[in-house]
Amino acid sequence: MSLHAFDTATLPVTPWKNGGGSTREIACWPPGAGLGDFEWRLSIATIAASGPFSVFPGIDRTIMLLAGDGVQLRSADPSGHALDHRLATLHHPFAFSGDLPLACTLLGGASSDFNVMTRRGRWHAKLQVLESAALLGSATHGMLLALRGQWELDGMSIIDCAEGEGLWWADAPHAWHARPDGADARLLAVRFDPCHEQADNPET
């Protein structure tokens, strides 16, 4: 499958049914999958009001603050497990189970966050935030997004990504040499690995 370039500013916006925000989907695998049968999904959410997060049974989630004051996430389930996390630092990924019912409270104005969801037992997502040049090993599914500054991505071809631009790929191995153009740059790298590969390679 070929590379897909995207600009977060031009992604289609889908308002939430409860009116509390909206979602811009970057990619969903396999093609045509919906919220009930996707294997992995990448999106950006704008949270405009406090309220509950949707529950996704069997899904592992990671979110990361992109803009705004952030949110407080709280949850408690009948078995006594609890989650209480302040998502207020830019570009710091936070992983949690989609099975948990979560209450989300805005810490200020509207916030924007990056979201990764994977079907538990099928895929594992690894997120890295790069601030300097790096070699990224081959992955058959993944995404790169310029969070800050300009980046040169050298793979099968050289691609320049300005802030807010990125690319994703699936079903074809790609390795990258990522180089920032200037100081204070940040690049988000996401790779998806099948869970059987994780079991075979525990250090990955």
N, C-alpha and C. Protein backbone atom coordinates (compact mmCIF):
# COMPACT_ATOMS: atom_id res chain seq x y z
N MET A 1 0.86 -1.19 0.00
CA MET A 1 0.00 0.00 0.00
C MET A 1 0.89 1.23 0.00
N SER A 2 0.56 2.22 -0.80
CA SER A 2 1.40 3.40 -0.95
C SER A 2 1.30 4.33 0.26
N LEU A 3 2.21 5.30 0.31
CA LEU A 3 2.19 6.30 1.37
C LEU A 3 1.01 7.24 1.17
N HIS A 4 0.49 7.73 2.29
CA HIS A 4 -0.62 8.68 2.26
C HIS A 4 -0.21 9.93 3.02
N ALA A 5 -0.10 11.04 2.34
CA ALA A 5 0.23 12.31 2.99
C ALA A 5 -1.05 12.97 3.49
N PHE A 6 -0.94 13.72 4.59
CA PHE A 6 -2.10 14.43 5.11
C PHE A 6 -1.67 15.73 5.77
N ASP A 7 -2.63 16.64 5.88
CA ASP A 7 -2.45 17.90 6.59
C ASP A 7 -3.56 17.96 7.63
N THR A 8 -3.20 18.05 8.91
CA THR A 8 -4.22 18.01 9.96
C THR A 8 -5.23 19.15 9.83
N ALA A 9 -4.82 20.26 9.20
CA ALA A 9 -5.72 21.40 9.07
C ALA A 9 -6.84 21.17 8.08
N THR A 10 -6.68 20.19 7.19
CA THR A 10 -7.69 19.96 6.14
C THR A 10 -8.41 18.62 6.29
N LEU A 11 -8.16 17.90 7.38
CA LEU A 11 -8.87 16.63 7.60
C LEU A 11 -10.36 16.91 7.83
N PRO A 12 -11.25 16.05 7.32
CA PRO A 12 -12.69 16.22 7.56
C PRO A 12 -13.02 16.18 9.06
N VAL A 13 -13.92 17.04 9.47
CA VAL A 13 -14.31 17.15 10.88
C VAL A 13 -15.67 16.48 11.10
N THR A 14 -15.72 15.56 12.08
CA THR A 14 -16.97 14.89 12.43
C THR A 14 -17.38 15.30 13.84
N PRO A 15 -18.48 16.08 13.98
CA PRO A 15 -18.93 16.48 15.33
C PRO A 15 -19.42 15.28 16.13
N TRP A 16 -19.18 15.31 17.44
CA TRP A 16 -19.69 14.25 18.31
C TRP A 16 -21.20 14.41 18.49
N LYS A 17 -21.88 13.27 18.68
CA LYS A 17 -23.33 13.30 18.85
C LYS A 17 -23.75 14.05 20.10
N ASN A 18 -22.88 14.03 21.15
CA ASN A 18 -23.24 14.71 22.39
C ASN A 18 -22.90 16.20 22.38
N GLY A 19 -22.33 16.68 21.27
CA GLY A 19 -22.02 18.09 21.15
C GLY A 19 -20.79 18.55 21.91
N GLY A 20 -20.05 17.61 22.52
CA GLY A 20 -18.91 18.00 23.36
C GLY A 20 -17.60 18.15 22.64
N GLY A 21 -17.58 17.90 21.33
CA GLY A 21 -16.33 18.03 20.61
C GLY A 21 -16.46 17.49 19.20
N SER A 22 -15.31 17.17 18.59
CA SER A 22 -15.31 16.67 17.22
C SER A 22 -14.06 15.83 17.00
N THR A 23 -14.08 15.04 15.94
CA THR A 23 -12.96 14.16 15.60
C THR A 23 -12.54 14.38 14.15
N ARG A 24 -11.23 14.38 13.94
CA ARG A 24 -10.66 14.38 12.58
C ARG A 24 -9.89 13.07 12.42
N GLU A 25 -10.41 12.17 11.62
CA GLU A 25 -9.75 10.88 11.44
C GLU A 25 -8.59 11.00 10.46
N ILE A 26 -7.43 10.47 10.85
CA ILE A 26 -6.26 10.43 9.99
C ILE A 26 -6.25 9.16 9.16
N ALA A 27 -6.42 8.02 9.83
CA ALA A 27 -6.40 6.73 9.14
C ALA A 27 -7.07 5.68 9.99
N CYS A 28 -7.62 4.66 9.33
CA CYS A 28 -8.27 3.54 10.00
C CYS A 28 -7.96 2.28 9.21
N TRP A 29 -7.61 1.20 9.90
CA TRP A 29 -7.24 -0.03 9.23
C TRP A 29 -8.08 -1.19 9.77
N PRO A 30 -8.59 -2.05 8.87
CA PRO A 30 -8.43 -2.05 7.42
C PRO A 30 -9.33 -1.01 6.75
N PRO A 31 -9.09 -0.74 5.46
CA PRO A 31 -9.90 0.27 4.76
C PRO A 31 -11.39 -0.05 4.85
N GLY A 32 -12.17 0.96 5.15
CA GLY A 32 -13.61 0.79 5.23
C GLY A 32 -14.12 0.32 6.57
N ALA A 33 -13.22 0.03 7.51
CA ALA A 33 -13.66 -0.43 8.83
C ALA A 33 -14.34 0.69 9.60
N GLY A 34 -15.28 0.31 10.45
CA GLY A 34 -15.96 1.27 11.31
C GLY A 34 -15.47 1.15 12.74
N LEU A 35 -16.13 1.86 13.65
CA LEU A 35 -15.71 1.85 15.05
C LEU A 35 -15.85 0.48 15.71
N GLY A 36 -16.65 -0.40 15.12
CA GLY A 36 -16.85 -1.71 15.72
C GLY A 36 -15.91 -2.79 15.22
N ASP A 37 -15.20 -2.53 14.11
CA ASP A 37 -14.37 -3.60 13.56
C ASP A 37 -13.00 -3.15 13.08
N PHE A 38 -12.56 -1.94 13.45
CA PHE A 38 -11.21 -1.52 13.05
C PHE A 38 -10.17 -2.31 13.82
N GLU A 39 -8.95 -2.38 13.26
CA GLU A 39 -7.83 -3.02 13.96
C GLU A 39 -6.90 -1.97 14.56
N TRP A 40 -6.71 -0.86 13.87
CA TRP A 40 -6.06 0.31 14.47
C TRP A 40 -6.64 1.57 13.87
N ARG A 41 -6.54 2.65 14.63
CA ARG A 41 -7.14 3.91 14.19
C ARG A 41 -6.33 5.07 14.73
N LEU A 42 -6.13 6.09 13.90
CA LEU A 42 -5.43 7.31 14.26
C LEU A 42 -6.36 8.50 14.05
N SER A 43 -6.43 9.39 15.03
CA SER A 43 -7.33 10.54 14.89
C SER A 43 -6.88 11.68 15.79
N ILE A 44 -7.48 12.84 15.56
CA ILE A 44 -7.28 14.02 16.41
C ILE A 44 -8.64 14.47 16.90
N ALA A 45 -8.76 14.65 18.21
CA ALA A 45 -10.03 15.07 18.80
C ALA A 45 -9.92 16.47 19.36
N THR A 46 -10.96 17.25 19.17
CA THR A 46 -11.10 18.54 19.84
C THR A 46 -12.14 18.38 20.94
N ILE A 47 -11.73 18.60 22.19
CA ILE A 47 -12.63 18.46 23.33
C ILE A 47 -13.07 19.86 23.74
N ALA A 48 -14.35 20.15 23.52
CA ALA A 48 -14.87 21.49 23.75
C ALA A 48 -15.66 21.60 25.05
N ALA A 49 -16.03 20.47 25.66
CA ALA A 49 -16.83 20.50 26.89
C ALA A 49 -16.50 19.27 27.72
N SER A 50 -16.63 19.41 29.02
CA SER A 50 -16.42 18.27 29.91
C SER A 50 -17.53 17.25 29.71
N GLY A 51 -17.20 15.97 29.94
CA GLY A 51 -18.20 14.93 29.78
C GLY A 51 -17.55 13.56 29.70
N PRO A 52 -18.33 12.52 29.45
CA PRO A 52 -17.79 11.16 29.41
C PRO A 52 -17.06 10.87 28.10
N PHE A 53 -16.03 10.04 28.19
CA PHE A 53 -15.39 9.47 27.00
C PHE A 53 -16.17 8.24 26.59
N SER A 54 -16.18 7.94 25.30
CA SER A 54 -16.81 6.71 24.82
C SER A 54 -16.01 5.50 25.30
N VAL A 55 -16.71 4.43 25.64
CA VAL A 55 -16.07 3.19 26.05
C VAL A 55 -15.85 2.33 24.81
N PHE A 56 -14.64 1.76 24.70
CA PHE A 56 -14.29 0.88 23.57
C PHE A 56 -13.78 -0.45 24.13
N PRO A 57 -14.67 -1.42 24.37
CA PRO A 57 -14.24 -2.71 24.90
C PRO A 57 -13.24 -3.39 23.97
N GLY A 58 -12.19 -3.97 24.56
CA GLY A 58 -11.20 -4.70 23.78
C GLY A 58 -10.21 -3.83 23.04
N ILE A 59 -10.20 -2.53 23.34
CA ILE A 59 -9.31 -1.59 22.64
C ILE A 59 -8.30 -1.00 23.62
N ASP A 60 -7.04 -0.94 23.19
CA ASP A 60 -6.00 -0.22 23.93
C ASP A 60 -5.87 1.18 23.33
N ARG A 61 -5.81 2.17 24.21
CA ARG A 61 -5.79 3.56 23.74
C ARG A 61 -4.55 4.31 24.23
N THR A 62 -4.09 5.25 23.43
CA THR A 62 -3.06 6.20 23.84
C THR A 62 -3.48 7.57 23.34
N ILE A 63 -3.42 8.56 24.24
CA ILE A 63 -3.74 9.92 23.84
C ILE A 63 -2.58 10.83 24.20
N MET A 64 -2.52 11.98 23.50
CA MET A 64 -1.43 12.92 23.71
C MET A 64 -1.94 14.33 23.44
N LEU A 65 -1.69 15.24 24.36
CA LEU A 65 -2.16 16.60 24.22
C LEU A 65 -1.40 17.33 23.11
N LEU A 66 -2.15 17.96 22.21
CA LEU A 66 -1.57 18.72 21.11
C LEU A 66 -1.68 20.23 21.32
N ALA A 67 -2.77 20.67 21.92
CA ALA A 67 -2.98 22.10 22.12
C ALA A 67 -4.03 22.30 23.20
N GLY A 68 -3.97 23.45 23.88
CA GLY A 68 -4.94 23.77 24.92
C GLY A 68 -4.43 23.51 26.32
N ASP A 69 -5.31 23.72 27.30
CA ASP A 69 -4.95 23.57 28.71
C ASP A 69 -4.94 22.13 29.19
N GLY A 70 -5.58 21.25 28.44
CA GLY A 70 -5.60 19.84 28.81
C GLY A 70 -6.86 19.43 29.55
N VAL A 71 -6.87 18.18 30.03
CA VAL A 71 -8.05 17.61 30.67
C VAL A 71 -7.63 16.75 31.86
N GLN A 72 -8.57 16.55 32.77
CA GLN A 72 -8.41 15.59 33.86
C GLN A 72 -9.26 14.38 33.51
N LEU A 73 -8.63 13.20 33.53
CA LEU A 73 -9.34 11.97 33.23
C LEU A 73 -9.51 11.17 34.51
N ARG A 74 -10.74 10.79 34.81
CA ARG A 74 -11.01 10.00 36.02
C ARG A 74 -11.94 8.84 35.67
N SER A 75 -11.66 7.70 36.29
CA SER A 75 -12.50 6.53 36.07
C SER A 75 -12.39 5.60 37.26
N ALA A 76 -13.47 4.89 37.53
CA ALA A 76 -13.46 3.83 38.54
C ALA A 76 -14.40 2.75 38.06
N ASP A 77 -13.92 1.51 38.07
CA ASP A 77 -14.79 0.41 37.64
C ASP A 77 -15.19 -0.45 38.84
N PRO A 78 -16.18 -1.34 38.68
CA PRO A 78 -16.68 -2.11 39.82
C PRO A 78 -15.63 -2.98 40.51
N SER A 79 -14.57 -3.35 39.80
CA SER A 79 -13.56 -4.21 40.41
C SER A 79 -12.59 -3.44 41.29
N GLY A 80 -12.76 -2.13 41.34
CA GLY A 80 -11.94 -1.32 42.22
C GLY A 80 -10.76 -0.65 41.56
N HIS A 81 -10.52 -0.93 40.28
CA HIS A 81 -9.44 -0.26 39.57
C HIS A 81 -9.85 1.19 39.31
N ALA A 82 -8.90 2.10 39.42
CA ALA A 82 -9.21 3.51 39.24
C ALA A 82 -8.15 4.18 38.39
N LEU A 83 -8.55 5.20 37.68
CA LEU A 83 -7.64 5.99 36.88
C LEU A 83 -7.89 7.45 37.19
N ASP A 84 -6.84 8.19 37.47
CA ASP A 84 -6.94 9.62 37.72
C ASP A 84 -5.68 10.26 37.13
N HIS A 85 -5.83 10.86 35.95
CA HIS A 85 -4.66 11.36 35.23
C HIS A 85 -4.91 12.77 34.73
N ARG A 86 -3.92 13.63 34.92
CA ARG A 86 -3.98 15.01 34.44
C ARG A 86 -3.20 15.09 33.13
N LEU A 87 -3.89 15.24 32.03
CA LEU A 87 -3.28 15.34 30.71
C LEU A 87 -3.09 16.83 30.41
N ALA A 88 -1.95 17.36 30.82
CA ALA A 88 -1.75 18.81 30.72
C ALA A 88 -0.40 19.20 30.14
N THR A 89 0.44 18.22 29.78
CA THR A 89 1.75 18.50 29.22
C THR A 89 1.75 18.13 27.75
N LEU A 90 2.13 19.07 26.91
CA LEU A 90 2.13 18.82 25.47
C LEU A 90 3.06 17.66 25.11
N HIS A 91 2.57 16.84 24.18
CA HIS A 91 3.38 15.83 23.50
C HIS A 91 3.92 14.74 24.42
N HIS A 92 3.17 14.44 25.50
CA HIS A 92 3.51 13.33 26.39
C HIS A 92 2.42 12.26 26.28
N PRO A 93 2.67 11.14 25.58
CA PRO A 93 1.64 10.11 25.40
C PRO A 93 1.21 9.49 26.72
N PHE A 94 -0.07 9.15 26.81
CA PHE A 94 -0.62 8.47 27.98
C PHE A 94 -1.47 7.30 27.51
N ALA A 95 -1.15 6.09 27.96
CA ALA A 95 -1.85 4.88 27.54
C ALA A 95 -2.84 4.42 28.60
N PHE A 96 -3.97 3.89 28.16
CA PHE A 96 -4.99 3.37 29.08
C PHE A 96 -5.89 2.40 28.33
N SER A 97 -6.72 1.68 29.07
CA SER A 97 -7.63 0.71 28.47
C SER A 97 -8.92 1.38 28.03
N GLY A 98 -9.35 1.07 26.81
CA GLY A 98 -10.61 1.61 26.32
C GLY A 98 -11.82 0.98 27.00
N ASP A 99 -11.61 -0.07 27.79
CA ASP A 99 -12.72 -0.70 28.52
C ASP A 99 -13.22 0.17 29.67
N LEU A 100 -12.35 1.07 30.16
CA LEU A 100 -12.71 1.87 31.32
C LEU A 100 -13.67 3.01 30.97
N PRO A 101 -14.75 3.16 31.73
CA PRO A 101 -15.59 4.37 31.58
C PRO A 101 -14.84 5.56 32.16
N LEU A 102 -14.64 6.59 31.34
CA LEU A 102 -13.84 7.74 31.74
C LEU A 102 -14.67 9.01 31.78
N ALA A 103 -14.48 9.80 32.82
CA ALA A 103 -15.04 11.15 32.89
C ALA A 103 -13.92 12.12 32.55
N CYS A 104 -14.20 13.04 31.65
CA CYS A 104 -13.20 14.00 31.17
C CYS A 104 -13.61 15.41 31.59
N THR A 105 -12.72 16.11 32.31
CA THR A 105 -12.99 17.46 32.76
C THR A 105 -11.96 18.41 32.17
N LEU A 106 -12.42 19.42 31.47
CA LEU A 106 -11.52 20.41 30.90
C LEU A 106 -10.81 21.18 32.02
N LEU A 107 -9.51 21.43 31.82
CA LEU A 107 -8.74 22.22 32.78
C LEU A 107 -8.76 23.70 32.45
N GLY A 108 -9.34 24.03 31.33
CA GLY A 108 -9.44 25.43 30.89
C GLY A 108 -10.35 25.48 29.68
N GLY A 109 -9.83 26.06 28.59
CA GLY A 109 -10.60 26.11 27.36
C GLY A 109 -10.52 24.80 26.60
N ALA A 110 -11.02 24.83 25.37
CA ALA A 110 -11.01 23.63 24.53
C ALA A 110 -9.59 23.11 24.33
N SER A 111 -9.47 21.80 24.24
CA SER A 111 -8.17 21.15 24.05
C SER A 111 -8.22 20.23 22.84
N SER A 112 -7.05 20.00 22.26
CA SER A 112 -6.92 19.10 21.13
C SER A 112 -5.95 17.98 21.50
N ASP A 113 -6.32 16.73 21.18
CA ASP A 113 -5.42 15.63 21.50
C ASP A 113 -5.34 14.63 20.35
N PHE A 114 -4.18 13.97 20.27
CA PHE A 114 -3.92 12.93 19.29
C PHE A 114 -4.33 11.60 19.90
N ASN A 115 -4.98 10.74 19.11
CA ASN A 115 -5.51 9.48 19.62
C ASN A 115 -5.04 8.30 18.79
N VAL A 116 -4.59 7.25 19.47
CA VAL A 116 -4.27 5.98 18.84
C VAL A 116 -5.11 4.90 19.51
N MET A 117 -5.77 4.08 18.70
CA MET A 117 -6.54 2.95 19.23
C MET A 117 -6.13 1.68 18.50
N THR A 118 -5.90 0.60 19.23
CA THR A 118 -5.56 -0.68 18.64
C THR A 118 -6.42 -1.79 19.23
N ARG A 119 -6.74 -2.78 18.39
CA ARG A 119 -7.52 -3.92 18.84
C ARG A 119 -6.62 -4.81 19.69
N ARG A 120 -6.97 -4.98 20.97
CA ARG A 120 -6.14 -5.74 21.90
C ARG A 120 -5.96 -7.19 21.42
N GLY A 121 -4.72 -7.67 21.49
CA GLY A 121 -4.42 -9.03 21.07
C GLY A 121 -4.07 -9.15 19.61
N ARG A 122 -4.29 -8.06 18.83
CA ARG A 122 -3.98 -8.10 17.40
C ARG A 122 -2.82 -7.17 17.05
N TRP A 123 -2.83 -5.97 17.65
CA TRP A 123 -1.82 -4.97 17.31
C TRP A 123 -1.30 -4.29 18.57
N HIS A 124 -0.06 -3.86 18.49
CA HIS A 124 0.56 -3.07 19.55
C HIS A 124 1.09 -1.79 18.92
N ALA A 125 0.78 -0.64 19.53
CA ALA A 125 1.25 0.65 19.02
C ALA A 125 2.39 1.17 19.88
N LYS A 126 3.43 1.67 19.22
CA LYS A 126 4.54 2.30 19.92
C LYS A 126 4.65 3.74 19.44
N LEU A 127 4.64 4.70 20.40
CA LEU A 127 4.73 6.11 20.08
C LEU A 127 6.07 6.67 20.55
N GLN A 128 6.70 7.49 19.71
CA GLN A 128 7.91 8.20 20.06
C GLN A 128 7.77 9.65 19.65
N VAL A 129 8.23 10.56 20.49
CA VAL A 129 8.29 11.98 20.14
C VAL A 129 9.77 12.33 19.99
N LEU A 130 10.17 12.65 18.78
CA LEU A 130 11.57 12.92 18.46
C LEU A 130 11.84 14.42 18.47
N GLU A 131 13.01 14.80 18.99
CA GLU A 131 13.41 16.20 19.02
C GLU A 131 14.72 16.42 18.26
N SER A 132 15.29 15.36 17.70
CA SER A 132 16.54 15.45 16.94
C SER A 132 16.53 14.37 15.87
N ALA A 133 17.53 14.40 14.99
CA ALA A 133 17.61 13.42 13.91
C ALA A 133 17.61 12.01 14.47
N ALA A 134 16.94 11.09 13.76
CA ALA A 134 16.85 9.71 14.24
C ALA A 134 16.62 8.78 13.08
N LEU A 135 17.09 7.55 13.23
CA LEU A 135 16.79 6.47 12.30
C LEU A 135 15.64 5.66 12.86
N LEU A 136 14.60 5.49 12.06
CA LEU A 136 13.42 4.75 12.49
C LEU A 136 13.39 3.42 11.73
N GLY A 137 13.41 2.32 12.47
CA GLY A 137 13.46 1.00 11.86
C GLY A 137 12.22 0.69 11.04
N SER A 138 12.34 -0.31 10.19
CA SER A 138 11.28 -0.67 9.27
C SER A 138 10.03 -1.13 10.02
N ALA A 139 8.89 -0.63 9.56
CA ALA A 139 7.58 -1.03 10.09
C ALA A 139 6.62 -1.15 8.91
N THR A 140 5.75 -2.15 8.95
CA THR A 140 4.81 -2.33 7.85
C THR A 140 3.57 -1.45 7.99
N HIS A 141 3.32 -0.94 9.19
CA HIS A 141 2.21 -0.02 9.43
C HIS A 141 2.74 1.10 10.32
N GLY A 142 2.44 2.36 9.99
CA GLY A 142 2.93 3.44 10.84
C GLY A 142 2.48 4.81 10.37
N MET A 143 2.94 5.81 11.12
CA MET A 143 2.60 7.20 10.83
C MET A 143 3.69 8.11 11.35
N LEU A 144 3.93 9.22 10.65
CA LEU A 144 4.82 10.28 11.09
C LEU A 144 4.06 11.60 11.01
N LEU A 145 4.20 12.45 12.03
CA LEU A 145 3.50 13.73 12.07
C LEU A 145 4.42 14.79 12.65
N ALA A 146 4.63 15.87 11.91
CA ALA A 146 5.44 16.99 12.39
C ALA A 146 4.62 17.78 13.41
N LEU A 147 5.02 17.70 14.67
CA LEU A 147 4.33 18.42 15.73
C LEU A 147 4.79 19.87 15.84
N ARG A 148 6.07 20.08 15.53
CA ARG A 148 6.65 21.42 15.64
C ARG A 148 7.82 21.52 14.66
N GLY A 149 7.86 22.61 13.91
CA GLY A 149 8.97 22.83 13.00
C GLY A 149 8.83 22.03 11.71
N GLN A 150 9.90 22.05 10.92
CA GLN A 150 9.96 21.38 9.62
C GLN A 150 10.85 20.14 9.72
N TRP A 151 10.41 19.05 9.06
CA TRP A 151 11.16 17.79 9.09
C TRP A 151 11.37 17.26 7.67
N GLU A 152 12.57 16.71 7.46
CA GLU A 152 12.88 16.01 6.22
C GLU A 152 12.85 14.52 6.52
N LEU A 153 12.02 13.79 5.80
CA LEU A 153 11.83 12.36 6.01
C LEU A 153 12.41 11.61 4.82
N ASP A 154 13.48 10.91 5.05
CA ASP A 154 14.21 10.23 3.99
C ASP A 154 13.94 8.73 4.07
N GLY A 155 13.13 8.24 3.13
CA GLY A 155 12.83 6.81 3.05
C GLY A 155 13.10 6.35 1.64
N MET A 156 12.08 5.81 0.97
CA MET A 156 12.22 5.45 -0.43
C MET A 156 12.34 6.71 -1.29
N SER A 157 11.84 7.81 -0.75
CA SER A 157 12.00 9.13 -1.35
C SER A 157 12.12 10.13 -0.21
N ILE A 158 12.49 11.35 -0.53
CA ILE A 158 12.62 12.39 0.50
C ILE A 158 11.34 13.23 0.51
N ILE A 159 10.76 13.34 1.68
CA ILE A 159 9.50 14.07 1.85
C ILE A 159 9.71 15.13 2.92
N ASP A 160 9.27 16.36 2.64
CA ASP A 160 9.34 17.44 3.61
C ASP A 160 7.97 17.60 4.26
N CYS A 161 7.96 17.67 5.59
CA CYS A 161 6.72 17.87 6.33
C CYS A 161 6.83 19.11 7.20
N ALA A 162 5.94 20.06 6.98
CA ALA A 162 5.86 21.23 7.83
C ALA A 162 5.00 20.90 9.03
N GLU A 163 4.98 21.80 10.01
CA GLU A 163 4.20 21.58 11.22
C GLU A 163 2.75 21.28 10.88
N GLY A 164 2.22 20.20 11.45
CA GLY A 164 0.84 19.81 11.20
C GLY A 164 0.66 18.88 10.01
N GLU A 165 1.75 18.59 9.30
CA GLU A 165 1.68 17.68 8.15
C GLU A 165 2.30 16.34 8.51
N GLY A 166 1.89 15.30 7.80
CA GLY A 166 2.45 13.99 8.09
C GLY A 166 2.12 13.01 6.99
N LEU A 167 2.41 11.73 7.26
CA LEU A 167 2.11 10.65 6.33
C LEU A 167 1.89 9.36 7.11
N TRP A 168 1.11 8.47 6.50
CA TRP A 168 0.89 7.16 7.10
C TRP A 168 0.97 6.10 6.01
N TRP A 169 1.20 4.86 6.44
CA TRP A 169 1.31 3.77 5.49
C TRP A 169 0.84 2.48 6.15
N ALA A 170 0.53 1.48 5.32
CA ALA A 170 0.07 0.18 5.83
C ALA A 170 0.38 -0.90 4.81
N ASP A 171 0.64 -2.09 5.32
CA ASP A 171 0.88 -3.28 4.50
C ASP A 171 2.09 -3.15 3.57
N ALA A 172 3.05 -2.33 3.94
CA ALA A 172 4.29 -2.21 3.17
C ALA A 172 5.37 -1.69 4.10
N PRO A 173 6.52 -2.37 4.19
CA PRO A 173 7.57 -1.94 5.12
C PRO A 173 8.23 -0.63 4.70
N HIS A 174 8.40 0.27 5.68
CA HIS A 174 9.08 1.54 5.44
C HIS A 174 10.00 1.83 6.62
N ALA A 175 11.22 2.28 6.32
CA ALA A 175 12.16 2.77 7.32
C ALA A 175 12.48 4.21 6.97
N TRP A 176 12.84 5.00 7.98
CA TRP A 176 13.02 6.43 7.76
C TRP A 176 14.25 6.97 8.47
N HIS A 177 14.85 7.98 7.85
CA HIS A 177 15.82 8.83 8.52
C HIS A 177 15.17 10.19 8.64
N ALA A 178 14.81 10.57 9.86
CA ALA A 178 14.11 11.83 10.11
C ALA A 178 15.09 12.90 10.56
N ARG A 179 15.05 14.06 9.89
CA ARG A 179 15.98 15.14 10.21
C ARG A 179 15.20 16.45 10.37
N PRO A 180 15.36 17.14 11.52
CA PRO A 180 14.69 18.43 11.71
C PRO A 180 15.44 19.56 11.02
N ASP A 181 14.70 20.56 10.58
CA ASP A 181 15.31 21.75 9.97
C ASP A 181 15.21 22.88 11.00
N GLY A 182 16.18 22.94 11.91
CA GLY A 182 16.19 23.97 12.94
C GLY A 182 15.96 23.38 14.32
N ALA A 183 16.08 24.26 15.31
CA ALA A 183 15.93 23.84 16.71
C ALA A 183 14.46 23.83 17.12
N ASP A 184 14.19 23.23 18.28
CA ASP A 184 12.86 23.20 18.88
C ASP A 184 11.84 22.49 17.99
N ALA A 185 12.28 21.50 17.22
CA ALA A 185 11.37 20.73 16.37
C ALA A 185 10.96 19.45 17.08
N ARG A 186 9.76 18.97 16.77
CA ARG A 186 9.28 17.70 17.34
C ARG A 186 8.52 16.93 16.27
N LEU A 187 8.76 15.62 16.25
CA LEU A 187 8.11 14.73 15.30
C LEU A 187 7.51 13.56 16.06
N LEU A 188 6.26 13.24 15.78
CA LEU A 188 5.62 12.06 16.37
C LEU A 188 5.76 10.89 15.41
N ALA A 189 6.30 9.79 15.92
CA ALA A 189 6.42 8.56 15.14
C ALA A 189 5.58 7.47 15.81
N VAL A 190 4.71 6.86 15.03
CA VAL A 190 3.87 5.76 15.51
C VAL A 190 4.14 4.55 14.63
N ARG A 191 4.39 3.41 15.25
CA ARG A 191 4.49 2.16 14.51
C ARG A 191 3.54 1.14 15.12
N PHE A 192 2.96 0.33 14.25
CA PHE A 192 2.06 -0.74 14.68
C PHE A 192 2.72 -2.07 14.38
N ASP A 193 2.75 -2.95 15.37
CA ASP A 193 3.30 -4.29 15.20
C ASP A 193 2.23 -5.32 15.56
N PRO A 194 2.10 -6.38 14.75
CA PRO A 194 1.19 -7.47 15.14
C PRO A 194 1.62 -8.05 16.47
N CYS A 195 0.67 -8.44 17.29
CA CYS A 195 1.00 -8.91 18.64
C CYS A 195 1.86 -10.16 18.63
N HIS A 196 1.76 -11.01 17.62
CA HIS A 196 2.59 -12.21 17.59
C HIS A 196 4.06 -11.82 17.41
N GLU A 197 4.33 -10.69 16.71
CA GLU A 197 5.71 -10.21 16.57
C GLU A 197 6.22 -9.69 17.90
N GLN A 198 5.33 -9.09 18.70
CA GLN A 198 5.74 -8.62 20.02
C GLN A 198 6.16 -9.80 20.90
N ALA A 199 5.41 -10.91 20.80
CA ALA A 199 5.75 -12.08 21.61
C ALA A 199 7.07 -12.69 21.17
N ASP A 200 7.34 -12.65 19.85
CA ASP A 200 8.58 -13.22 19.35
C ASP A 200 9.78 -12.33 19.64
N ASN A 201 9.52 -11.00 19.78
CA ASN A 201 10.60 -10.04 19.98
C ASN A 201 10.27 -9.18 21.19
N PRO A 202 10.44 -9.67 22.42
CA PRO A 202 10.01 -8.95 23.61
C PRO A 202 10.73 -7.65 23.83
N GLU A 203 11.89 -7.42 23.18
CA GLU A 203 12.62 -6.18 23.38
C GLU A 203 12.20 -5.10 22.43
N THR A 204 11.31 -5.40 21.47
CA THR A 204 10.86 -4.41 20.50
C THR A 204 10.03 -3.33 21.17
